[in-house]
Amino acid sequence: LYAFGFEIVSQPRSLPAHAVFLRLEKTIPGFGKVQRE
């Protein structure tokens, strides 16, 4: 909900770094397994 712009009471938590890199591998052209590693 926070990511969509809604106000929330609790502290929002982002993804762990390794999950960020996994998502980049699926979404960013040229960012593959070697770059993720």
PDB file of all heavy atoms in Angstrom:
ATOM      1  N   LEU A   1       0.834  -1.202   0.000  1.00  0.00           N
ATOM      2  CA  LEU A   1       0.000   0.000   0.000  1.00  0.00           C
ATOM      3  C   LEU A   1       0.871   1.256   0.000  1.00  0.00           C
ATOM      4  O   LEU A   1       0.576   2.227  -0.712  1.00  0.00           O
ATOM      5  CB  LEU A   1      -0.920  -0.003   1.231  1.00  0.00           C
ATOM      6  CG  LEU A   1      -2.009  -1.085   1.238  1.00  0.00           C
ATOM      7  CD1 LEU A   1      -2.710  -1.129   2.590  1.00  0.00           C
ATOM      8  CD2 LEU A   1      -3.019  -0.836   0.126  1.00  0.00           C
ATOM      9  N   TYR A   2       1.944   1.235   0.785  1.00  0.00           N
ATOM     10  CA  TYR A   2       2.869   2.373   0.824  1.00  0.00           C
ATOM     11  C   TYR A   2       3.463   2.624  -0.552  1.00  0.00           C
ATOM     12  O   TYR A   2       3.593   3.771  -0.991  1.00  0.00           O
ATOM     13  CB  TYR A   2       3.970   2.087   1.839  1.00  0.00           C
ATOM     14  CG  TYR A   2       5.040   3.163   1.903  1.00  0.00           C
ATOM     15  CD1 TYR A   2       4.828   4.348   2.596  1.00  0.00           C
ATOM     16  CD2 TYR A   2       6.264   2.979   1.256  1.00  0.00           C
ATOM     17  CE1 TYR A   2       5.802   5.334   2.654  1.00  0.00           C
ATOM     18  CE2 TYR A   2       7.249   3.963   1.304  1.00  0.00           C
ATOM     19  CZ  TYR A   2       7.019   5.131   2.000  1.00  0.00           C
ATOM     20  OH  TYR A   2       7.984   6.106   2.046  1.00  0.00           O
ATOM     21  N   ALA A   3       3.824   1.544  -1.261  1.00  0.00           N
ATOM     22  CA  ALA A   3       4.421   1.680  -2.594  1.00  0.00           C
ATOM     23  C   ALA A   3       3.439   2.299  -3.585  1.00  0.00           C
ATOM     24  O   ALA A   3       3.863   2.936  -4.559  1.00  0.00           O
ATOM     25  CB  ALA A   3       4.887   0.317  -3.089  1.00  0.00           C
ATOM     26  N   PHE A   4       2.142   2.139  -3.336  1.00  0.00           N
ATOM     27  CA  PHE A   4       1.121   2.727  -4.210  1.00  0.00           C
ATOM     28  C   PHE A   4       0.706   4.127  -3.747  1.00  0.00           C
ATOM     29  O   PHE A   4      -0.196   4.723  -4.331  1.00  0.00           O
ATOM     30  CB  PHE A   4      -0.105   1.817  -4.276  1.00  0.00           C
ATOM     31  CG  PHE A   4       0.047   0.685  -5.252  1.00  0.00           C
ATOM     32  CD1 PHE A   4       0.240  -0.607  -4.807  1.00  0.00           C
ATOM     33  CD2 PHE A   4       0.015   0.920  -6.624  1.00  0.00           C
ATOM     34  CE1 PHE A   4       0.379  -1.656  -5.703  1.00  0.00           C
ATOM     35  CE2 PHE A   4       0.149  -0.119  -7.531  1.00  0.00           C
ATOM     36  CZ  PHE A   4       0.345  -1.416  -7.074  1.00  0.00           C
ATOM     37  N   GLY A   5       1.359   4.645  -2.703  1.00  0.00           N
ATOM     38  CA  GLY A   5       1.110   6.021  -2.299  1.00  0.00           C
ATOM     39  C   GLY A   5       0.183   6.195  -1.121  1.00  0.00           C
ATOM     40  O   GLY A   5      -0.118   7.333  -0.740  1.00  0.00           O
ATOM     41  N   PHE A   6      -0.273   5.093  -0.511  1.00  0.00           N
ATOM     42  CA  PHE A   6      -1.150   5.202   0.649  1.00  0.00           C
ATOM     43  C   PHE A   6      -0.328   5.445   1.910  1.00  0.00           C
ATOM     44  O   PHE A   6       0.788   4.948   2.046  1.00  0.00           O
ATOM     45  CB  PHE A   6      -1.976   3.918   0.827  1.00  0.00           C
ATOM     46  CG  PHE A   6      -3.005   3.714  -0.244  1.00  0.00           C
ATOM     47  CD1 PHE A   6      -2.711   2.927  -1.352  1.00  0.00           C
ATOM     48  CD2 PHE A   6      -4.255   4.306  -0.149  1.00  0.00           C
ATOM     49  CE1 PHE A   6      -3.656   2.725  -2.345  1.00  0.00           C
ATOM     50  CE2 PHE A   6      -5.213   4.105  -1.133  1.00  0.00           C
ATOM     51  CZ  PHE A   6      -4.908   3.325  -2.242  1.00  0.00           C
ATOM     52  N   GLU A   7      -0.898   6.197   2.848  1.00  0.00           N
ATOM     53  CA  GLU A   7      -0.235   6.422   4.130  1.00  0.00           C
ATOM     54  C   GLU A   7      -0.466   5.218   5.026  1.00  0.00           C
ATOM     55  O   GLU A   7      -1.579   4.693   5.108  1.00  0.00           O
ATOM     56  CB  GLU A   7      -0.787   7.679   4.803  1.00  0.00           C
ATOM     57  CG  GLU A   7      -0.424   8.973   4.079  1.00  0.00           C
ATOM     58  CD  GLU A   7      -0.834  10.202   4.859  1.00  0.00           C
ATOM     59  OE1 GLU A   7      -1.281  10.038   6.022  1.00  0.00           O
ATOM     60  OE2 GLU A   7      -0.728  11.313   4.316  1.00  0.00           O
ATOM     61  N   ILE A   8       0.593   4.780   5.681  1.00  0.00           N
ATOM     62  CA  ILE A   8       0.469   3.649   6.604  1.00  0.00           C
ATOM     63  C   ILE A   8       1.083   4.046   7.933  1.00  0.00           C
ATOM     64  O   ILE A   8       1.926   4.948   8.014  1.00  0.00           O
ATOM     65  CB  ILE A   8       1.152   2.376   6.057  1.00  0.00           C
ATOM     66  CG1 ILE A   8       2.661   2.615   5.865  1.00  0.00           C
ATOM     67  CG2 ILE A   8       0.513   1.933   4.749  1.00  0.00           C
ATOM     68  CD1 ILE A   8       3.433   1.359   5.491  1.00  0.00           C
ATOM     69  N   VAL A   9       0.661   3.374   8.990  1.00  0.00           N
ATOM     70  CA  VAL A   9       1.129   3.699  10.332  1.00  0.00           C
ATOM     71  C   VAL A   9       2.507   3.105  10.591  1.00  0.00           C
ATOM     72  O   VAL A   9       3.388   3.739  11.178  1.00  0.00           O
ATOM     73  CB  VAL A   9       0.125   3.188  11.393  1.00  0.00           C
ATOM     74  CG1 VAL A   9       0.662   3.457  12.799  1.00  0.00           C
ATOM     75  CG2 VAL A   9      -1.229   3.851  11.191  1.00  0.00           C
ATOM     76  N   SER A  10       2.702   1.876  10.155  1.00  0.00           N
ATOM     77  CA  SER A  10       3.955   1.176  10.435  1.00  0.00           C
ATOM     78  C   SER A  10       5.071   1.629   9.486  1.00  0.00           C
ATOM     79  O   SER A  10       4.823   2.283   8.463  1.00  0.00           O
ATOM     80  CB  SER A  10       3.746  -0.336  10.289  1.00  0.00           C
ATOM     81  OG  SER A  10       3.309  -0.645   8.967  1.00  0.00           O
ATOM     82  N   GLN A  11       6.285   1.279   9.838  1.00  0.00           N
ATOM     83  CA  GLN A  11       7.443   1.586   8.999  1.00  0.00           C
ATOM     84  C   GLN A  11       7.458   0.649   7.795  1.00  0.00           C
ATOM     85  O   GLN A  11       7.463  -0.573   7.945  1.00  0.00           O
ATOM     86  CB  GLN A  11       8.729   1.409   9.813  1.00  0.00           C
ATOM     87  CG  GLN A  11      10.012   1.647   9.043  1.00  0.00           C
ATOM     88  CD  GLN A  11      10.221   3.114   8.680  1.00  0.00           C
ATOM     89  OE1 GLN A  11       9.684   3.991   9.343  1.00  0.00           O
ATOM     90  NE2 GLN A  11      10.992   3.366   7.652  1.00  0.00           N
ATOM     91  N   PRO A  12       7.446   1.171   6.578  1.00  0.00           N
ATOM     92  CA  PRO A  12       7.450   0.293   5.406  1.00  0.00           C
ATOM     93  C   PRO A  12       8.787  -0.441   5.269  1.00  0.00           C
ATOM     94  O   PRO A  12       9.850   0.104   5.594  1.00  0.00           O
ATOM     95  CB  PRO A  12       7.237   1.261   4.238  1.00  0.00           C
ATOM     96  CG  PRO A  12       7.741   2.575   4.733  1.00  0.00           C
ATOM     97  CD  PRO A  12       7.432   2.599   6.200  1.00  0.00           C
ATOM     98  N   ARG A  13       8.708  -1.676   4.818  1.00  0.00           N
ATOM     99  CA  ARG A  13       9.909  -2.485   4.643  1.00  0.00           C
ATOM    100  C   ARG A  13      10.118  -2.770   3.158  1.00  0.00           C
ATOM    101  O   ARG A  13       9.190  -3.171   2.454  1.00  0.00           O
ATOM    102  CB  ARG A  13       9.805  -3.801   5.414  1.00  0.00           C
ATOM    103  CG  ARG A  13       9.787  -3.626   6.931  1.00  0.00           C
ATOM    104  CD  ARG A  13       9.708  -4.978   7.622  1.00  0.00           C
ATOM    105  NE  ARG A  13      10.870  -5.798   7.333  1.00  0.00           N
ATOM    106  CZ  ARG A  13      12.006  -5.773   8.024  1.00  0.00           C
ATOM    107  NH1 ARG A  13      12.126  -4.927   9.053  1.00  0.00           N
ATOM    108  NH2 ARG A  13      13.006  -6.546   7.711  1.00  0.00           N
ATOM    109  N   SER A  14      11.343  -2.578   2.723  1.00  0.00           N
ATOM    110  CA  SER A  14      11.680  -2.861   1.332  1.00  0.00           C
ATOM    111  C   SER A  14      12.218  -4.281   1.197  1.00  0.00           C
ATOM    112  O   SER A  14      12.470  -4.965   2.188  1.00  0.00           O
ATOM    113  CB  SER A  14      12.717  -1.857   0.830  1.00  0.00           C
ATOM    114  OG  SER A  14      13.881  -1.920   1.630  1.00  0.00           O
ATOM    115  N   LEU A  15      12.392  -4.712  -0.048  1.00  0.00           N
ATOM    116  CA  LEU A  15      12.928  -6.036  -0.323  1.00  0.00           C
ATOM    117  C   LEU A  15      14.363  -6.171   0.184  1.00  0.00           C
ATOM    118  O   LEU A  15      15.119  -5.192   0.181  1.00  0.00           O
ATOM    119  CB  LEU A  15      12.965  -6.276  -1.835  1.00  0.00           C
ATOM    120  CG  LEU A  15      11.689  -6.657  -2.570  1.00  0.00           C
ATOM    121  CD1 LEU A  15      11.990  -6.728  -4.061  1.00  0.00           C
ATOM    122  CD2 LEU A  15      11.144  -7.981  -2.079  1.00  0.00           C
ATOM    123  N   PRO A  16      14.784  -7.368   0.576  1.00  0.00           N
ATOM    124  CA  PRO A  16      16.204  -7.594   0.814  1.00  0.00           C
ATOM    125  C   PRO A  16      16.987  -7.389  -0.481  1.00  0.00           C
ATOM    126  O   PRO A  16      16.440  -7.538  -1.583  1.00  0.00           O
ATOM    127  CB  PRO A  16      16.263  -9.061   1.265  1.00  0.00           C
ATOM    128  CG  PRO A  16      14.871  -9.416   1.653  1.00  0.00           C
ATOM    129  CD  PRO A  16      13.965  -8.559   0.843  1.00  0.00           C
ATOM    130  N   ALA A  17      18.255  -7.070  -0.359  1.00  0.00           N
ATOM    131  CA  ALA A  17      19.056  -6.734  -1.536  1.00  0.00           C
ATOM    132  C   ALA A  17      19.084  -7.862  -2.562  1.00  0.00           C
ATOM    133  O   ALA A  17      18.976  -7.621  -3.772  1.00  0.00           O
ATOM    134  CB  ALA A  17      20.477  -6.379  -1.106  1.00  0.00           C
ATOM    135  N   HIS A  18      19.216  -9.116  -2.093  1.00  0.00           N
ATOM    136  CA  HIS A  18      19.321 -10.219  -3.057  1.00  0.00           C
ATOM    137  C   HIS A  18      18.052 -10.350  -3.889  1.00  0.00           C
ATOM    138  O   HIS A  18      18.103 -10.727  -5.074  1.00  0.00           O
ATOM    139  CB  HIS A  18      19.642 -11.544  -2.338  1.00  0.00           C
ATOM    140  CG  HIS A  18      18.498 -12.110  -1.539  1.00  0.00           C
ATOM    141  ND1 HIS A  18      17.579 -12.965  -2.080  1.00  0.00           N
ATOM    142  CD2 HIS A  18      18.136 -11.930  -0.247  1.00  0.00           C
ATOM    143  CE1 HIS A  18      16.695 -13.309  -1.147  1.00  0.00           C
ATOM    144  NE2 HIS A  18      17.009 -12.692  -0.027  1.00  0.00           N
ATOM    145  N   ALA A  19      16.893 -10.006  -3.299  1.00  0.00           N
ATOM    146  CA  ALA A  19      15.640 -10.053  -4.043  1.00  0.00           C
ATOM    147  C   ALA A  19      15.565  -8.914  -5.051  1.00  0.00           C
ATOM    148  O   ALA A  19      14.986  -9.068  -6.145  1.00  0.00           O
ATOM    149  CB  ALA A  19      14.453 -10.000  -3.081  1.00  0.00           C
ATOM    150  N   VAL A  20      16.145  -7.767  -4.705  1.00  0.00           N
ATOM    151  CA  VAL A  20      16.221  -6.642  -5.647  1.00  0.00           C
ATOM    152  C   VAL A  20      16.978  -7.070  -6.894  1.00  0.00           C
ATOM    153  O   VAL A  20      16.550  -6.847  -8.035  1.00  0.00           O
ATOM    154  CB  VAL A  20      16.905  -5.422  -4.998  1.00  0.00           C
ATOM    155  CG1 VAL A  20      17.198  -4.353  -6.042  1.00  0.00           C
ATOM    156  CG2 VAL A  20      16.034  -4.849  -3.900  1.00  0.00           C
ATOM    157  N   PHE A  21      18.113  -7.733  -6.699  1.00  0.00           N
ATOM    158  CA  PHE A  21      18.940  -8.136  -7.835  1.00  0.00           C
ATOM    159  C   PHE A  21      18.240  -9.199  -8.677  1.00  0.00           C
ATOM    160  O   PHE A  21      18.371  -9.208  -9.910  1.00  0.00           O
ATOM    161  CB  PHE A  21      20.296  -8.642  -7.336  1.00  0.00           C
ATOM    162  CG  PHE A  21      21.029  -7.654  -6.462  1.00  0.00           C
ATOM    163  CD1 PHE A  21      21.722  -8.075  -5.330  1.00  0.00           C
ATOM    164  CD2 PHE A  21      21.029  -6.295  -6.759  1.00  0.00           C
ATOM    165  CE1 PHE A  21      22.394  -7.175  -4.524  1.00  0.00           C
ATOM    166  CE2 PHE A  21      21.695  -5.374  -5.952  1.00  0.00           C
ATOM    167  CZ  PHE A  21      22.371  -5.823  -4.835  1.00  0.00           C
ATOM    168  N   LEU A  22      17.502 -10.071  -8.029  1.00  0.00           N
ATOM    169  CA  LEU A  22      16.743 -11.087  -8.775  1.00  0.00           C
ATOM    170  C   LEU A  22      15.689 -10.436  -9.663  1.00  0.00           C
ATOM    171  O   LEU A  22      15.477 -10.844 -10.813  1.00  0.00           O
ATOM    172  CB  LEU A  22      16.073 -12.058  -7.801  1.00  0.00           C
ATOM    173  CG  LEU A  22      16.946 -13.168  -7.225  1.00  0.00           C
ATOM    174  CD1 LEU A  22      16.220 -13.886  -6.096  1.00  0.00           C
ATOM    175  CD2 LEU A  22      17.337 -14.166  -8.312  1.00  0.00           C
ATOM    176  N   ARG A  23      15.020  -9.407  -9.143  1.00  0.00           N
ATOM    177  CA  ARG A  23      13.994  -8.724  -9.941  1.00  0.00           C
ATOM    178  C   ARG A  23      14.621  -7.920 -11.080  1.00  0.00           C
ATOM    179  O   ARG A  23      14.036  -7.820 -12.167  1.00  0.00           O
ATOM    180  CB  ARG A  23      13.142  -7.829  -9.039  1.00  0.00           C
ATOM    181  CG  ARG A  23      12.252  -8.636  -8.103  1.00  0.00           C
ATOM    182  CD  ARG A  23      11.236  -7.793  -7.355  1.00  0.00           C
ATOM    183  NE  ARG A  23      10.331  -8.645  -6.600  1.00  0.00           N
ATOM    184  CZ  ARG A  23       9.304  -8.215  -5.884  1.00  0.00           C
ATOM    185  NH1 ARG A  23       9.058  -6.900  -5.825  1.00  0.00           N
ATOM    186  NH2 ARG A  23       8.526  -9.052  -5.237  1.00  0.00           N
ATOM    187  N   LEU A  24      15.795  -7.364 -10.836  1.00  0.00           N
ATOM    188  CA  LEU A  24      16.479  -6.639 -11.905  1.00  0.00           C
ATOM    189  C   LEU A  24      16.849  -7.583 -13.044  1.00  0.00           C
ATOM    190  O   LEU A  24      16.806  -7.207 -14.215  1.00  0.00           O
ATOM    191  CB  LEU A  24      17.739  -5.967 -11.353  1.00  0.00           C
ATOM    192  CG  LEU A  24      17.518  -4.767 -10.437  1.00  0.00           C
ATOM    193  CD1 LEU A  24      18.839  -4.313  -9.826  1.00  0.00           C
ATOM    194  CD2 LEU A  24      16.871  -3.611 -11.187  1.00  0.00           C
ATOM    195  N   GLU A  25      17.217  -8.816 -12.697  1.00  0.00           N
ATOM    196  CA  GLU A  25      17.565  -9.798 -13.722  1.00  0.00           C
ATOM    197  C   GLU A  25      16.374 -10.079 -14.646  1.00  0.00           C
ATOM    198  O   GLU A  25      16.552 -10.380 -15.829  1.00  0.00           O
ATOM    199  CB  GLU A  25      18.030 -11.094 -13.053  1.00  0.00           C
ATOM    200  CG  GLU A  25      18.545 -12.138 -14.040  1.00  0.00           C
ATOM    201  CD  GLU A  25      19.020 -13.404 -13.343  1.00  0.00           C
ATOM    202  OE1 GLU A  25      18.975 -13.475 -12.095  1.00  0.00           O
ATOM    203  OE2 GLU A  25      19.442 -14.329 -14.063  1.00  0.00           O
ATOM    204  N   LYS A  26      15.187  -9.930 -14.116  1.00  0.00           N
ATOM    205  CA  LYS A  26      13.982 -10.202 -14.904  1.00  0.00           C
ATOM    206  C   LYS A  26      13.442  -8.974 -15.619  1.00  0.00           C
ATOM    207  O   LYS A  26      12.560  -9.100 -16.483  1.00  0.00           O
ATOM    208  CB  LYS A  26      12.888 -10.758 -13.980  1.00  0.00           C
ATOM    209  CG  LYS A  26      13.259 -12.076 -13.308  1.00  0.00           C
ATOM    210  CD  LYS A  26      12.200 -12.497 -12.313  1.00  0.00           C
ATOM    211  CE  LYS A  26      12.602 -13.782 -11.600  1.00  0.00           C
ATOM    212  NZ  LYS A  26      11.600 -14.180 -10.569  1.00  0.00           N
ATOM    213  N   THR A  27      13.969  -7.796 -15.292  1.00  0.00           N
ATOM    214  CA  THR A  27      13.343  -6.570 -15.809  1.00  0.00           C
ATOM    215  C   THR A  27      14.277  -5.626 -16.564  1.00  0.00           C
ATOM    216  O   THR A  27      13.806  -4.818 -17.367  1.00  0.00           O
ATOM    217  CB  THR A  27      12.714  -5.768 -14.650  1.00  0.00           C
ATOM    218  OG1 THR A  27      13.715  -5.517 -13.634  1.00  0.00           O
ATOM    219  CG2 THR A  27      11.543  -6.526 -14.027  1.00  0.00           C
ATOM    220  N   ILE A  28      15.582  -5.702 -16.326  1.00  0.00           N
ATOM    221  CA  ILE A  28      16.523  -4.750 -16.924  1.00  0.00           C
ATOM    222  C   ILE A  28      17.274  -5.423 -18.073  1.00  0.00           C
ATOM    223  O   ILE A  28      17.962  -6.429 -17.854  1.00  0.00           O
ATOM    224  CB  ILE A  28      17.538  -4.223 -15.880  1.00  0.00           C
ATOM    225  CG1 ILE A  28      16.816  -3.514 -14.738  1.00  0.00           C
ATOM    226  CG2 ILE A  28      18.550  -3.293 -16.540  1.00  0.00           C
ATOM    227  CD1 ILE A  28      16.058  -2.278 -15.139  1.00  0.00           C
ATOM    228  N   PRO A  29      17.190  -4.903 -19.279  1.00  0.00           N
ATOM    229  CA  PRO A  29      17.917  -5.490 -20.418  1.00  0.00           C
ATOM    230  C   PRO A  29      19.431  -5.511 -20.166  1.00  0.00           C
ATOM    231  O   PRO A  29      20.011  -4.515 -19.715  1.00  0.00           O
ATOM    232  CB  PRO A  29      17.580  -4.538 -21.578  1.00  0.00           C
ATOM    233  CG  PRO A  29      16.288  -3.903 -21.189  1.00  0.00           C
ATOM    234  CD  PRO A  29      16.341  -3.767 -19.696  1.00  0.00           C
ATOM    235  N   GLY A  30      20.046  -6.663 -20.437  1.00  0.00           N
ATOM    236  CA  GLY A  30      21.484  -6.793 -20.265  1.00  0.00           C
ATOM    237  C   GLY A  30      21.919  -7.201 -18.871  1.00  0.00           C
ATOM    238  O   GLY A  30      23.077  -7.572 -18.658  1.00  0.00           O
ATOM    239  N   PHE A  31      21.007  -7.112 -17.907  1.00  0.00           N
ATOM    240  CA  PHE A  31      21.317  -7.482 -16.526  1.00  0.00           C
ATOM    241  C   PHE A  31      20.980  -8.956 -16.358  1.00  0.00           C
ATOM    242  O   PHE A  31      19.822  -9.328 -16.182  1.00  0.00           O
ATOM    243  CB  PHE A  31      20.507  -6.627 -15.550  1.00  0.00           C
ATOM    244  CG  PHE A  31      20.941  -6.738 -14.104  1.00  0.00           C
ATOM    245  CD1 PHE A  31      21.724  -5.751 -13.535  1.00  0.00           C
ATOM    246  CD2 PHE A  31      20.575  -7.823 -13.328  1.00  0.00           C
ATOM    247  CE1 PHE A  31      22.124  -5.836 -12.202  1.00  0.00           C
ATOM    248  CE2 PHE A  31      20.961  -7.926 -12.006  1.00  0.00           C
ATOM    249  CZ  PHE A  31      21.750  -6.934 -11.440  1.00  0.00           C
ATOM    250  N   GLY A  32      22.009  -9.801 -16.435  1.00  0.00           N
ATOM    251  CA  GLY A  32      21.791 -11.244 -16.384  1.00  0.00           C
ATOM    252  C   GLY A  32      22.373 -11.887 -15.142  1.00  0.00           C
ATOM    253  O   GLY A  32      22.655 -11.222 -14.132  1.00  0.00           O
ATOM    254  N   LYS A  33      22.601 -13.173 -15.238  1.00  0.00           N
ATOM    255  CA  LYS A  33      23.084 -13.957 -14.096  1.00  0.00           C
ATOM    256  C   LYS A  33      24.462 -13.466 -13.628  1.00  0.00           C
ATOM    257  O   LYS A  33      24.703 -13.345 -12.425  1.00  0.00           O
ATOM    258  CB  LYS A  33      23.151 -15.432 -14.486  1.00  0.00           C
ATOM    259  CG  LYS A  33      23.614 -16.370 -13.379  1.00  0.00           C
ATOM    260  CD  LYS A  33      23.490 -17.815 -13.841  1.00  0.00           C
ATOM    261  CE  LYS A  33      23.913 -18.784 -12.732  1.00  0.00           C
ATOM    262  NZ  LYS A  33      25.365 -18.779 -12.493  1.00  0.00           N
ATOM    263  N   VAL A  34      25.361 -13.186 -14.571  1.00  0.00           N
ATOM    264  CA  VAL A  34      26.708 -12.747 -14.206  1.00  0.00           C
ATOM    265  C   VAL A  34      26.659 -11.427 -13.440  1.00  0.00           C
ATOM    266  O   VAL A  34      27.350 -11.251 -12.421  1.00  0.00           O
ATOM    267  CB  VAL A  34      27.583 -12.591 -15.466  1.00  0.00           C
ATOM    268  CG1 VAL A  34      28.931 -11.987 -15.113  1.00  0.00           C
ATOM    269  CG2 VAL A  34      27.777 -13.936 -16.141  1.00  0.00           C
ATOM    270  N   GLN A  35      25.821 -10.503 -13.917  1.00  0.00           N
ATOM    271  CA  GLN A  35      25.706  -9.195 -13.255  1.00  0.00           C
ATOM    272  C   GLN A  35      25.072  -9.356 -11.869  1.00  0.00           C
ATOM    273  O   GLN A  35      25.501  -8.719 -10.903  1.00  0.00           O
ATOM    274  CB  GLN A  35      24.870  -8.245 -14.115  1.00  0.00           C
ATOM    275  CG  GLN A  35      25.545  -7.778 -15.387  1.00  0.00           C
ATOM    276  CD  GLN A  35      25.632  -8.838 -16.464  1.00  0.00           C
ATOM    277  OE1 GLN A  35      24.818  -9.764 -16.495  1.00  0.00           O
ATOM    278  NE2 GLN A  35      26.598  -8.708 -17.367  1.00  0.00           N
ATOM    279  N   ARG A  36      24.051 -10.219 -11.798  1.00  0.00           N
ATOM    280  CA  ARG A  36      23.397 -10.433 -10.502  1.00  0.00           C
ATOM    281  C   ARG A  36      24.369 -11.040  -9.491  1.00  0.00           C
ATOM    282  O   ARG A  36      24.381 -10.656  -8.312  1.00  0.00           O
ATOM    283  CB  ARG A  36      22.183 -11.350 -10.666  1.00  0.00           C
ATOM    284  CG  ARG A  36      21.549 -11.768  -9.333  1.00  0.00           C
ATOM    285  CD  ARG A  36      20.297 -12.602  -9.512  1.00  0.00           C
ATOM    286  NE  ARG A  36      20.514 -13.800 -10.296  1.00  0.00           N
ATOM    287  CZ  ARG A  36      21.082 -14.927  -9.814  1.00  0.00           C
ATOM    288  NH1 ARG A  36      21.507 -14.970  -8.560  1.00  0.00           N
ATOM    289  NH2 ARG A  36      21.222 -15.977 -10.578  1.00  0.00           N
ATOM    290  N   GLU A  37      25.187 -11.976  -9.939  1.00  0.00           N
ATOM    291  CA  GLU A  37      26.126 -12.624  -9.023  1.00  0.00           C
ATOM    292  C   GLU A  37      27.159 -11.637  -8.485  1.00  0.00           C
ATOM    293  O   GLU A  37      27.568 -11.742  -7.320  1.00  0.00           O
ATOM    294  CB  GLU A  37      26.812 -13.791  -9.736  1.00  0.00           C
ATOM    295  CG  GLU A  37      25.874 -14.982  -9.954  1.00  0.00           C
ATOM    296  CD  GLU A  37      26.526 -16.110 -10.726  1.00  0.00           C
ATOM    297  OE1 GLU A  37      27.581 -15.875 -11.370  1.00  0.00           O
ATOM    298  OE2 GLU A  37      25.978 -17.224 -10.705  1.00  0.00           O
TER     299      GLU A  37
END
